[in-house]
Amino acid sequence: MESAENLSEQVVGAEPDAAPTPVDVDTAVLLLGAGVTAITHPLVYVKLLIQVGHEPLPPTVGTTMFGRRVLYLPGFFSYAQYIVKVDGKGGLFRGLSPRIVSSAISTVVRSKVKQQVELLSKRNHTRTSLRKVVQETSHEMIIQCLSRVATHPFHVMSVRCMAQFVGREVTYGSMFSSIVKIFKEEGVAGFYVGFVPHVVGEVLFLWCCNLLAHFINTYAVDDSFSQALAVRSYTKFVMGIAVSVLTYPFMLVADLMAVNNCGLAAGLPPHSPIFKSWLHCWNHLSHEGQLFRGSSFFFRRVPVISLPSIED
């Protein structure tokens, strides 16, 4: 007969419902993040080209719901078809590698920093819900900022790889050659071009979204309302959509600064002025009424100031 210890070891070793280890969870999250990044990359690619002002396709005449004739710029599908026509289907995934690496690094950094932040938060017990929201948002801000520091160099590389479509350059190829080129020509600062507006936009998004959701759930949603719990569960999501629209100009400026004056046609005249700072870029876009350029994939109207006569 087998001893009780051997039997217990066999039972433990054959346990089918063993809890997944942190390594398994992290690996699953990394793979999921890489998959989502790859699937959504064509959207990011088309958005980036629209942001830099590259409009290779002519506008088409359309009508509004009130019957007024306007000119519409091509939407996502038309733009994507044009990219496939020029570069093939693989062209839709230009600049994907740096984004996958950025996603993986962000996941690891967030996981490690979150563990440390949670240990610190356990020592501080907040009494009021507002203080709790402020504390949690502060922790989220720290995690977001550290993640951005670690991943922004790869964001710059990805943006420049995609922007090469405008001038048909091949300057930025592999990640290694891109790292060498940026470091050789611009130094460490070249990896953090556009970093400030990106961080400012993300921090504003966190604070506005969390605080607005808190105040709405606390003062606008009455506990006597039968669907109060359901409404509160969606408040932060809805606020996230609304606030993301308001903070979009920061993301646009960050992407434009990553390309500006780096040697690519997309960041040089006549495609783009050379900006002295991100505030200069912001002021230029504001003056041109283009602070939300690229925020929509469909029903993109030609700016009124450039509309030709279409009465005939």
C-alpha atoms as a PDB file:
ATOM      1  CA  MET A   1       0.000   0.000   0.000  1.00  0.00           C
ATOM      2  CA  GLU A   2       1.109   3.525  -0.704  1.00  0.00           C
ATOM      3  CA  SER A   3       1.740   5.842   2.213  1.00  0.00           C
ATOM      4  CA  ALA A   4      -0.663   8.650   3.067  1.00  0.00           C
ATOM      5  CA  GLU A   5       2.002  11.216   2.142  1.00  0.00           C
ATOM      6  CA  ASN A   6       2.412   9.761  -1.365  1.00  0.00           C
ATOM      7  CA  LEU A   7      -1.338   9.727  -1.861  1.00  0.00           C
ATOM      8  CA  SER A   8      -1.641  13.344  -0.785  1.00  0.00           C
ATOM      9  CA  GLU A   9       1.166  14.378  -3.128  1.00  0.00           C
ATOM     10  CA  GLN A  10      -0.587  12.648  -6.039  1.00  0.00           C
ATOM     11  CA  VAL A  11      -3.846  14.387  -5.239  1.00  0.00           C
ATOM     12  CA  VAL A  12      -2.174  17.787  -5.042  1.00  0.00           C
ATOM     13  CA  GLY A  13      -0.233  17.196  -8.257  1.00  0.00           C
ATOM     14  CA  ALA A  14      -3.361  16.113 -10.134  1.00  0.00           C
ATOM     15  CA  GLU A  15      -5.583  18.951  -8.915  1.00  0.00           C
ATOM     16  CA  PRO A  16      -7.365  20.234 -12.033  1.00  0.00           C
ATOM     17  CA  ASP A  17      -8.529  23.554 -10.589  1.00  0.00           C
ATOM     18  CA  ALA A  18      -5.163  24.910  -9.454  1.00  0.00           C
ATOM     19  CA  ALA A  19      -5.140  28.680  -9.310  1.00  0.00           C
ATOM     20  CA  PRO A  20      -3.223  30.342 -12.173  1.00  0.00           C
ATOM     21  CA  THR A  21       0.134  31.812 -11.216  1.00  0.00           C
ATOM     22  CA  PRO A  22       0.926  35.508 -11.704  1.00  0.00           C
ATOM     23  CA  VAL A  23       3.243  34.518 -14.559  1.00  0.00           C
ATOM     24  CA  ASP A  24       0.360  32.778 -16.365  1.00  0.00           C
ATOM     25  CA  VAL A  25      -1.900  35.784 -15.855  1.00  0.00           C
ATOM     26  CA  ASP A  26       0.766  38.244 -17.084  1.00  0.00           C
ATOM     27  CA  THR A  27       1.446  36.087 -20.146  1.00  0.00           C
ATOM     28  CA  ALA A  28      -2.258  35.954 -20.992  1.00  0.00           C
ATOM     29  CA  VAL A  29      -2.576  39.718 -20.611  1.00  0.00           C
ATOM     30  CA  LEU A  30       0.500  40.281 -22.794  1.00  0.00           C
ATOM     31  CA  LEU A  31      -0.850  38.024 -25.538  1.00  0.00           C
ATOM     32  CA  LEU A  32      -4.281  39.629 -25.357  1.00  0.00           C
ATOM     33  CA  GLY A  33      -2.741  43.094 -25.526  1.00  0.00           C
ATOM     34  CA  ALA A  34      -0.623  42.136 -28.533  1.00  0.00           C
ATOM     35  CA  GLY A  35      -3.680  40.718 -30.300  1.00  0.00           C
ATOM     36  CA  VAL A  36      -5.809  43.793 -29.684  1.00  0.00           C
ATOM     37  CA  THR A  37      -2.944  46.046 -30.783  1.00  0.00           C
ATOM     38  CA  ALA A  38      -2.540  44.121 -34.040  1.00  0.00           C
ATOM     39  CA  ILE A  39      -6.266  44.076 -34.805  1.00  0.00           C
ATOM     40  CA  THR A  40      -6.731  47.800 -34.188  1.00  0.00           C
ATOM     41  CA  HIS A  41      -3.497  48.913 -35.881  1.00  0.00           C
ATOM     42  CA  PRO A  42      -5.100  49.748 -39.276  1.00  0.00           C
ATOM     43  CA  LEU A  43      -7.388  52.178 -37.444  1.00  0.00           C
ATOM     44  CA  VAL A  44      -4.422  53.798 -35.711  1.00  0.00           C
ATOM     45  CA  TYR A  45      -2.507  53.954 -39.007  1.00  0.00           C
ATOM     46  CA  VAL A  46      -5.281  55.698 -40.939  1.00  0.00           C
ATOM     47  CA  LYS A  47      -5.892  58.044 -38.009  1.00  0.00           C
ATOM     48  CA  LEU A  48      -2.198  59.025 -37.919  1.00  0.00           C
ATOM     49  CA  LEU A  49      -2.143  59.816 -41.644  1.00  0.00           C
ATOM     50  CA  ILE A  50      -5.252  61.973 -41.255  1.00  0.00           C
ATOM     51  CA  GLN A  51      -3.668  63.707 -38.263  1.00  0.00           C
ATOM     52  CA  VAL A  52      -0.595  64.734 -40.252  1.00  0.00           C
ATOM     53  CA  GLY A  53      -2.919  66.142 -42.910  1.00  0.00           C
ATOM     54  CA  HIS A  54      -2.239  63.616 -45.663  1.00  0.00           C
ATOM     55  CA  GLU A  55      -5.295  63.515 -47.927  1.00  0.00           C
ATOM     56  CA  PRO A  56      -4.336  61.628 -51.124  1.00  0.00           C
ATOM     57  CA  LEU A  57      -7.923  61.003 -52.219  1.00  0.00           C
ATOM     58  CA  PRO A  58     -10.232  63.702 -53.608  1.00  0.00           C
ATOM     59  CA  PRO A  59     -13.360  64.649 -51.650  1.00  0.00           C
ATOM     60  CA  THR A  60     -16.781  63.532 -52.807  1.00  0.00           C
ATOM     61  CA  VAL A  61     -19.998  65.522 -52.995  1.00  0.00           C
ATOM     62  CA  GLY A  62     -22.629  64.523 -50.469  1.00  0.00           C
ATOM     63  CA  THR A  63     -25.686  65.911 -48.750  1.00  0.00           C
ATOM     64  CA  THR A  64     -26.506  66.524 -45.127  1.00  0.00           C
ATOM     65  CA  MET A  65     -29.713  65.357 -43.468  1.00  0.00           C
ATOM     66  CA  PHE A  66     -31.163  68.773 -44.341  1.00  0.00           C
ATOM     67  CA  GLY A  67     -30.365  68.369 -48.034  1.00  0.00           C
ATOM     68  CA  ARG A  68     -27.430  70.770 -48.107  1.00  0.00           C
ATOM     69  CA  ARG A  69     -24.615  69.768 -50.480  1.00  0.00           C
ATOM     70  CA  VAL A  70     -21.167  69.456 -48.908  1.00  0.00           C
ATOM     71  CA  LEU A  71     -17.809  67.896 -49.692  1.00  0.00           C
ATOM     72  CA  TYR A  72     -16.788  64.838 -47.689  1.00  0.00           C
ATOM     73  CA  LEU A  73     -13.240  63.575 -47.305  1.00  0.00           C
ATOM     74  CA  PRO A  74     -12.760  59.787 -47.649  1.00  0.00           C
ATOM     75  CA  GLY A  75     -13.606  57.676 -44.608  1.00  0.00           C
ATOM     76  CA  PHE A  76     -11.652  54.872 -43.012  1.00  0.00           C
ATOM     77  CA  PHE A  77     -12.546  52.142 -45.505  1.00  0.00           C
ATOM     78  CA  SER A  78     -11.714  54.243 -48.559  1.00  0.00           C
ATOM     79  CA  TYR A  79      -8.434  55.310 -46.993  1.00  0.00           C
ATOM     80  CA  ALA A  80      -7.557  51.731 -46.020  1.00  0.00           C
ATOM     81  CA  GLN A  81      -8.302  50.515 -49.541  1.00  0.00           C
ATOM     82  CA  TYR A  82      -5.958  53.176 -50.903  1.00  0.00           C
ATOM     83  CA  ILE A  83      -3.161  52.005 -48.584  1.00  0.00           C
ATOM     84  CA  VAL A  84      -3.715  48.398 -49.690  1.00  0.00           C
ATOM     85  CA  LYS A  85      -3.600  49.534 -53.336  1.00  0.00           C
ATOM     86  CA  VAL A  86      -0.251  51.266 -52.780  1.00  0.00           C
ATOM     87  CA  ASP A  87       1.509  48.947 -50.311  1.00  0.00           C
ATOM     88  CA  GLY A  88      -0.574  45.758 -50.300  1.00  0.00           C
ATOM     89  CA  LYS A  89      -2.422  44.309 -47.324  1.00  0.00           C
ATOM     90  CA  GLY A  90       0.772  44.179 -45.306  1.00  0.00           C
ATOM     91  CA  GLY A  91       1.018  47.933 -45.677  1.00  0.00           C
ATOM     92  CA  LEU A  92      -1.828  48.352 -43.204  1.00  0.00           C
ATOM     93  CA  PHE A  93       0.508  47.088 -40.476  1.00  0.00           C
ATOM     94  CA  ARG A  94       3.412  49.470 -41.001  1.00  0.00           C
ATOM     95  CA  GLY A  95       4.778  50.503 -37.596  1.00  0.00           C
ATOM     96  CA  LEU A  96       3.087  47.648 -35.731  1.00  0.00           C
ATOM     97  CA  SER A  97       6.210  46.155 -34.110  1.00  0.00           C
ATOM     98  CA  PRO A  98       7.023  49.171 -31.900  1.00  0.00           C
ATOM     99  CA  ARG A  99       3.394  49.333 -30.787  1.00  0.00           C
ATOM    100  CA  ILE A 100       3.403  45.674 -29.727  1.00  0.00           C
ATOM    101  CA  VAL A 101       6.622  46.194 -27.766  1.00  0.00           C
ATOM    102  CA  SER A 102       5.127  49.342 -26.231  1.00  0.00           C
ATOM    103  CA  SER A 103       1.996  47.426 -25.221  1.00  0.00           C
ATOM    104  CA  ALA A 104       4.056  44.668 -23.580  1.00  0.00           C
ATOM    105  CA  ILE A 105       6.269  47.112 -21.686  1.00  0.00           C
ATOM    106  CA  SER A 106       3.228  49.096 -20.558  1.00  0.00           C
ATOM    107  CA  THR A 107       1.568  45.938 -19.222  1.00  0.00           C
ATOM    108  CA  VAL A 108       4.664  44.915 -17.257  1.00  0.00           C
ATOM    109  CA  VAL A 109       5.321  48.400 -15.873  1.00  0.00           C
ATOM    110  CA  ARG A 110       1.692  48.885 -14.867  1.00  0.00           C
ATOM    111  CA  SER A 111       1.614  45.506 -13.137  1.00  0.00           C
ATOM    112  CA  LYS A 112       4.798  46.108 -11.130  1.00  0.00           C
ATOM    113  CA  VAL A 113       4.001  49.698 -10.185  1.00  0.00           C
ATOM    114  CA  LYS A 114       0.421  48.828  -9.278  1.00  0.00           C
ATOM    115  CA  GLN A 115       1.632  46.210  -6.809  1.00  0.00           C
ATOM    116  CA  GLN A 116       3.852  48.767  -5.065  1.00  0.00           C
ATOM    117  CA  VAL A 117       1.130  51.408  -5.060  1.00  0.00           C
ATOM    118  CA  GLU A 118      -1.395  48.986  -3.563  1.00  0.00           C
ATOM    119  CA  LEU A 119       1.017  48.185  -0.743  1.00  0.00           C
ATOM    120  CA  LEU A 120       1.325  51.880   0.063  1.00  0.00           C
ATOM    121  CA  SER A 121      -2.420  52.484  -0.188  1.00  0.00           C
ATOM    122  CA  LYS A 122      -3.150  49.781   2.407  1.00  0.00           C
ATOM    123  CA  ARG A 123      -1.288  51.849   4.991  1.00  0.00           C
ATOM    124  CA  ASN A 124      -3.434  54.931   4.356  1.00  0.00           C
ATOM    125  CA  HIS A 125      -7.100  54.492   5.171  1.00  0.00           C
ATOM    126  CA  THR A 126      -9.225  57.290   3.765  1.00  0.00           C
ATOM    127  CA  ARG A 127     -12.464  58.248   5.469  1.00  0.00           C
ATOM    128  CA  THR A 128     -14.414  60.177   2.857  1.00  0.00           C
ATOM    129  CA  SER A 129     -15.284  58.941  -0.611  1.00  0.00           C
ATOM    130  CA  LEU A 130     -13.847  62.100  -2.217  1.00  0.00           C
ATOM    131  CA  ARG A 131     -10.498  61.553  -0.555  1.00  0.00           C
ATOM    132  CA  LYS A 132     -10.601  57.968  -1.732  1.00  0.00           C
ATOM    133  CA  VAL A 133     -11.220  59.076  -5.324  1.00  0.00           C
ATOM    134  CA  VAL A 134      -8.362  61.587  -5.100  1.00  0.00           C
ATOM    135  CA  GLN A 135      -6.045  58.949  -3.680  1.00  0.00           C
ATOM    136  CA  GLU A 136      -6.951  56.353  -6.301  1.00  0.00           C
ATOM    137  CA  THR A 137      -6.634  58.901  -9.124  1.00  0.00           C
ATOM    138  CA  SER A 138      -3.234  59.966  -7.813  1.00  0.00           C
ATOM    139  CA  HIS A 139      -2.106  56.348  -7.901  1.00  0.00           C
ATOM    140  CA  GLU A 140      -3.467  55.921 -11.431  1.00  0.00           C
ATOM    141  CA  MET A 141      -1.608  59.076 -12.464  1.00  0.00           C
ATOM    142  CA  ILE A 142       1.694  57.735 -11.137  1.00  0.00           C
ATOM    143  CA  ILE A 143       1.177  54.457 -12.970  1.00  0.00           C
ATOM    144  CA  GLN A 144       0.226  56.238 -16.195  1.00  0.00           C
ATOM    145  CA  CYS A 145       3.200  58.624 -16.080  1.00  0.00           C
ATOM    146  CA  LEU A 146       5.749  55.870 -15.419  1.00  0.00           C
ATOM    147  CA  SER A 147       4.209  53.769 -18.167  1.00  0.00           C
ATOM    148  CA  ARG A 148       4.441  56.704 -20.595  1.00  0.00           C
ATOM    149  CA  VAL A 149       8.115  57.273 -19.704  1.00  0.00           C
ATOM    150  CA  ALA A 150       8.881  53.644 -20.520  1.00  0.00           C
ATOM    151  CA  THR A 151       6.845  53.391 -23.719  1.00  0.00           C
ATOM    152  CA  HIS A 152       7.061  56.822 -25.361  1.00  0.00           C
ATOM    153  CA  PRO A 153      10.258  56.051 -27.312  1.00  0.00           C
ATOM    154  CA  PHE A 154       8.440  53.192 -29.039  1.00  0.00           C
ATOM    155  CA  HIS A 155       5.469  55.454 -29.711  1.00  0.00           C
ATOM    156  CA  VAL A 156       7.786  57.915 -31.480  1.00  0.00           C
ATOM    157  CA  MET A 157       9.270  55.118 -33.589  1.00  0.00           C
ATOM    158  CA  SER A 158       5.847  53.768 -34.518  1.00  0.00           C
ATOM    159  CA  VAL A 159       4.499  57.204 -35.486  1.00  0.00           C
ATOM    160  CA  ARG A 160       7.500  57.921 -37.681  1.00  0.00           C
ATOM    161  CA  CYS A 161       7.297  54.504 -39.351  1.00  0.00           C
ATOM    162  CA  MET A 162       3.675  55.151 -40.260  1.00  0.00           C
ATOM    163  CA  ALA A 163       4.298  58.756 -41.344  1.00  0.00           C
ATOM    164  CA  GLN A 164       6.792  57.514 -43.953  1.00  0.00           C
ATOM    165  CA  PHE A 165       3.806  56.674 -46.141  1.00  0.00           C
ATOM    166  CA  VAL A 166       3.418  60.385 -46.973  1.00  0.00           C
ATOM    167  CA  GLY A 167       6.824  60.816 -48.597  1.00  0.00           C
ATOM    168  CA  ARG A 168       7.405  57.138 -49.442  1.00  0.00           C
ATOM    169  CA  GLU A 169      10.568  57.095 -47.319  1.00  0.00           C
ATOM    170  CA  VAL A 170      12.245  53.987 -45.913  1.00  0.00           C
ATOM    171  CA  THR A 171      14.308  55.807 -43.291  1.00  0.00           C
ATOM    172  CA  TYR A 172      12.731  54.066 -40.323  1.00  0.00           C
ATOM    173  CA  GLY A 173      12.782  50.311 -40.885  1.00  0.00           C
ATOM    174  CA  SER A 174      13.497  47.899 -38.057  1.00  0.00           C
ATOM    175  CA  MET A 175      13.286  48.986 -34.435  1.00  0.00           C
ATOM    176  CA  PHE A 176      17.041  48.612 -33.982  1.00  0.00           C
ATOM    177  CA  SER A 177      17.860  50.847 -36.966  1.00  0.00           C
ATOM    178  CA  SER A 178      15.245  53.375 -35.784  1.00  0.00           C
ATOM    179  CA  ILE A 179      16.773  53.484 -32.301  1.00  0.00           C
ATOM    180  CA  VAL A 180      20.253  54.011 -33.750  1.00  0.00           C
ATOM    181  CA  LYS A 181      19.040  56.743 -36.136  1.00  0.00           C
ATOM    182  CA  ILE A 182      17.105  58.705 -33.507  1.00  0.00           C
ATOM    183  CA  PHE A 183      19.899  58.482 -30.940  1.00  0.00           C
ATOM    184  CA  LYS A 184      22.576  59.450 -33.469  1.00  0.00           C
ATOM    185  CA  GLU A 185      20.696  62.458 -34.898  1.00  0.00           C
ATOM    186  CA  GLU A 186      18.658  63.724 -31.932  1.00  0.00           C
ATOM    187  CA  GLY A 187      20.096  62.116 -28.821  1.00  0.00           C
ATOM    188  CA  VAL A 188      17.984  60.871 -25.932  1.00  0.00           C
ATOM    189  CA  ALA A 189      15.653  63.867 -26.311  1.00  0.00           C
ATOM    190  CA  GLY A 190      14.591  62.534 -29.707  1.00  0.00           C
ATOM    191  CA  PHE A 191      12.864  59.599 -28.045  1.00  0.00           C
ATOM    192  CA  TYR A 192      10.689  61.949 -25.993  1.00  0.00           C
ATOM    193  CA  VAL A 193       9.491  64.398 -28.635  1.00  0.00           C
ATOM    194  CA  GLY A 194       5.832  65.106 -27.921  1.00  0.00           C
ATOM    195  CA  PHE A 195       6.080  63.586 -24.443  1.00  0.00           C
ATOM    196  CA  VAL A 196       4.760  66.621 -22.526  1.00  0.00           C
ATOM    197  CA  PRO A 197       1.434  67.114 -24.356  1.00  0.00           C
ATOM    198  CA  HIS A 198       0.824  63.363 -24.254  1.00  0.00           C
ATOM    199  CA  VAL A 199       1.295  63.204 -20.479  1.00  0.00           C
ATOM    200  CA  VAL A 200      -0.703  66.395 -19.893  1.00  0.00           C
ATOM    201  CA  GLY A 201      -3.588  64.979 -21.916  1.00  0.00           C
ATOM    202  CA  GLU A 202      -3.547  61.656 -20.091  1.00  0.00           C
ATOM    203  CA  VAL A 203      -3.355  63.268 -16.638  1.00  0.00           C
ATOM    204  CA  LEU A 204      -6.219  65.654 -17.442  1.00  0.00           C
ATOM    205  CA  PHE A 205      -8.246  62.721 -18.739  1.00  0.00           C
ATOM    206  CA  LEU A 206      -7.755  60.737 -15.515  1.00  0.00           C
ATOM    207  CA  TRP A 207      -8.644  63.571 -13.148  1.00  0.00           C
ATOM    208  CA  CYS A 208     -11.592  64.920 -15.126  1.00  0.00           C
ATOM    209  CA  CYS A 209     -13.076  61.492 -15.766  1.00  0.00           C
ATOM    210  CA  ASN A 210     -12.764  60.233 -12.177  1.00  0.00           C
ATOM    211  CA  LEU A 211     -13.884  63.443 -10.480  1.00  0.00           C
ATOM    212  CA  LEU A 212     -16.842  64.022 -12.802  1.00  0.00           C
ATOM    213  CA  ALA A 213     -17.985  60.421 -12.376  1.00  0.00           C
ATOM    214  CA  HIS A 214     -17.712  60.772  -8.587  1.00  0.00           C
ATOM    215  CA  PHE A 215     -19.692  64.007  -8.403  1.00  0.00           C
ATOM    216  CA  ILE A 216     -22.404  62.717 -10.743  1.00  0.00           C
ATOM    217  CA  ASN A 217     -22.762  59.453  -8.841  1.00  0.00           C
ATOM    218  CA  THR A 218     -22.792  61.278  -5.493  1.00  0.00           C
ATOM    219  CA  TYR A 219     -24.991  64.294  -6.182  1.00  0.00           C
ATOM    220  CA  ALA A 220     -26.904  63.668  -9.418  1.00  0.00           C
ATOM    221  CA  VAL A 221     -27.983  60.034  -9.035  1.00  0.00           C
ATOM    222  CA  ASP A 222     -30.557  59.602  -6.284  1.00  0.00           C
ATOM    223  CA  ASP A 223     -30.425  56.424  -4.200  1.00  0.00           C
ATOM    224  CA  SER A 224     -34.222  56.215  -4.396  1.00  0.00           C
ATOM    225  CA  PHE A 225     -33.993  55.693  -8.142  1.00  0.00           C
ATOM    226  CA  SER A 226     -34.579  52.020  -8.928  1.00  0.00           C
ATOM    227  CA  GLN A 227     -31.769  51.860 -11.504  1.00  0.00           C
ATOM    228  CA  ALA A 228     -29.263  53.876  -9.492  1.00  0.00           C
ATOM    229  CA  LEU A 229     -26.694  51.074  -9.325  1.00  0.00           C
ATOM    230  CA  ALA A 230     -26.899  50.433 -13.059  1.00  0.00           C
ATOM    231  CA  VAL A 231     -26.555  54.130 -13.869  1.00  0.00           C
ATOM    232  CA  ARG A 232     -23.546  54.522 -11.594  1.00  0.00           C
ATOM    233  CA  SER A 233     -21.826  51.521 -13.154  1.00  0.00           C
ATOM    234  CA  TYR A 234     -21.878  53.246 -16.555  1.00  0.00           C
ATOM    235  CA  THR A 235     -21.133  56.799 -15.424  1.00  0.00           C
ATOM    236  CA  LYS A 236     -17.353  56.489 -15.582  1.00  0.00           C
ATOM    237  CA  PHE A 237     -17.534  54.877 -19.033  1.00  0.00           C
ATOM    238  CA  VAL A 238     -19.701  57.684 -20.411  1.00  0.00           C
ATOM    239  CA  MET A 239     -17.506  60.327 -18.781  1.00  0.00           C
ATOM    240  CA  GLY A 240     -14.470  58.660 -20.363  1.00  0.00           C
ATOM    241  CA  ILE A 241     -15.951  59.098 -23.834  1.00  0.00           C
ATOM    242  CA  ALA A 242     -16.879  62.733 -23.199  1.00  0.00           C
ATOM    243  CA  VAL A 243     -13.546  63.690 -21.623  1.00  0.00           C
ATOM    244  CA  SER A 244     -11.535  61.898 -24.331  1.00  0.00           C
ATOM    245  CA  VAL A 245     -13.080  64.282 -26.867  1.00  0.00           C
ATOM    246  CA  LEU A 246     -11.932  67.296 -24.842  1.00  0.00           C
ATOM    247  CA  THR A 247      -8.384  65.973 -24.360  1.00  0.00           C
ATOM    248  CA  TYR A 248      -7.974  64.807 -27.969  1.00  0.00           C
ATOM    249  CA  PRO A 249      -6.049  67.956 -29.069  1.00  0.00           C
ATOM    250  CA  PHE A 250      -3.234  66.994 -26.690  1.00  0.00           C
ATOM    251  CA  MET A 251      -2.894  63.593 -28.387  1.00  0.00           C
ATOM    252  CA  LEU A 252      -2.956  65.236 -31.813  1.00  0.00           C
ATOM    253  CA  VAL A 253      -0.228  67.720 -30.893  1.00  0.00           C
ATOM    254  CA  ALA A 254       1.891  64.932 -29.374  1.00  0.00           C
ATOM    255  CA  ASP A 255       1.723  62.885 -32.581  1.00  0.00           C
ATOM    256  CA  LEU A 256       2.492  65.871 -34.787  1.00  0.00           C
ATOM    257  CA  MET A 257       5.496  66.818 -32.654  1.00  0.00           C
ATOM    258  CA  ALA A 258       6.810  63.255 -32.909  1.00  0.00           C
ATOM    259  CA  VAL A 259       6.992  63.690 -36.691  1.00  0.00           C
ATOM    260  CA  ASN A 260       7.819  67.383 -36.974  1.00  0.00           C
ATOM    261  CA  ASN A 261      11.251  68.284 -38.377  1.00  0.00           C
ATOM    262  CA  CYS A 262      12.592  64.719 -38.136  1.00  0.00           C
ATOM    263  CA  GLY A 263      13.571  64.503 -41.800  1.00  0.00           C
ATOM    264  CA  LEU A 264      10.314  62.980 -43.061  1.00  0.00           C
ATOM    265  CA  ALA A 265       8.174  64.770 -45.625  1.00  0.00           C
ATOM    266  CA  ALA A 266       5.157  64.569 -43.315  1.00  0.00           C
ATOM    267  CA  GLY A 267       6.896  66.832 -40.804  1.00  0.00           C
ATOM    268  CA  LEU A 268       8.437  69.351 -43.164  1.00  0.00           C
ATOM    269  CA  PRO A 269       7.098  72.139 -45.399  1.00  0.00           C
ATOM    270  CA  PRO A 270       4.935  72.191 -47.435  1.00  0.00           C
ATOM    271  CA  HIS A 271       3.127  69.396 -45.584  1.00  0.00           C
ATOM    272  CA  SER A 272       3.710  70.932 -42.173  1.00  0.00           C
ATOM    273  CA  PRO A 273       5.327  74.046 -40.673  1.00  0.00           C
ATOM    274  CA  ILE A 274       8.341  73.529 -38.427  1.00  0.00           C
ATOM    275  CA  PHE A 275       7.183  74.085 -34.859  1.00  0.00           C
ATOM    276  CA  LYS A 276       9.413  75.545 -32.144  1.00  0.00           C
ATOM    277  CA  SER A 277       7.460  73.865 -29.355  1.00  0.00           C
ATOM    278  CA  TRP A 278       4.260  71.935 -28.745  1.00  0.00           C
ATOM    279  CA  LEU A 279       2.551  75.185 -27.735  1.00  0.00           C
ATOM    280  CA  HIS A 280       3.507  76.648 -31.118  1.00  0.00           C
ATOM    281  CA  CYS A 281       1.943  73.595 -32.756  1.00  0.00           C
ATOM    282  CA  TRP A 282      -1.209  73.987 -30.636  1.00  0.00           C
ATOM    283  CA  ASN A 283      -1.568  77.648 -31.567  1.00  0.00           C
ATOM    284  CA  HIS A 284      -1.119  76.886 -35.259  1.00  0.00           C
ATOM    285  CA  LEU A 285      -3.786  74.166 -35.219  1.00  0.00           C
ATOM    286  CA  SER A 286      -6.125  76.383 -33.221  1.00  0.00           C
ATOM    287  CA  HIS A 287      -5.698  79.227 -35.709  1.00  0.00           C
ATOM    288  CA  GLU A 288      -6.431  76.840 -38.595  1.00  0.00           C
ATOM    289  CA  GLY A 289      -9.408  75.268 -36.796  1.00  0.00           C
ATOM    290  CA  GLN A 290      -7.742  71.854 -36.928  1.00  0.00           C
ATOM    291  CA  LEU A 291      -7.407  70.908 -33.247  1.00  0.00           C
ATOM    292  CA  PHE A 292      -9.702  67.920 -33.785  1.00  0.00           C
ATOM    293  CA  ARG A 293      -8.235  66.732 -37.082  1.00  0.00           C
ATOM    294  CA  GLY A 294      -8.326  62.954 -37.210  1.00  0.00           C
ATOM    295  CA  SER A 295     -10.817  62.563 -34.366  1.00  0.00           C
ATOM    296  CA  SER A 296     -13.391  61.065 -36.735  1.00  0.00           C
ATOM    297  CA  PHE A 297     -13.122  58.350 -39.391  1.00  0.00           C
ATOM    298  CA  PHE A 298     -16.434  59.018 -41.110  1.00  0.00           C
ATOM    299  CA  PHE A 299     -18.402  61.991 -42.463  1.00  0.00           C
ATOM    300  CA  ARG A 300     -15.296  64.178 -42.515  1.00  0.00           C
ATOM    301  CA  ARG A 301     -16.240  67.448 -44.120  1.00  0.00           C
ATOM    302  CA  VAL A 302     -13.792  69.578 -46.062  1.00  0.00           C
ATOM    303  CA  PRO A 303     -13.065  72.740 -44.031  1.00  0.00           C
ATOM    304  CA  VAL A 304     -15.390  75.539 -45.095  1.00  0.00           C
ATOM    305  CA  ILE A 305     -12.527  77.915 -45.874  1.00  0.00           C
ATOM    306  CA  SER A 306     -11.284  75.555 -48.607  1.00  0.00           C
ATOM    307  CA  LEU A 307     -14.632  74.660 -50.124  1.00  0.00           C
ATOM    308  CA  PRO A 308     -14.840  75.422 -53.828  1.00  0.00           C
ATOM    309  CA  SER A 309     -18.116  76.293 -55.526  1.00  0.00           C
ATOM    310  CA  ILE A 310     -20.217  73.170 -56.129  1.00  0.00           C
ATOM    311  CA  GLU A 311     -23.401  74.817 -57.269  1.00  0.00           C
ATOM    312  CA  ASP A 312     -22.951  73.678 -60.887  1.00  0.00           C
END
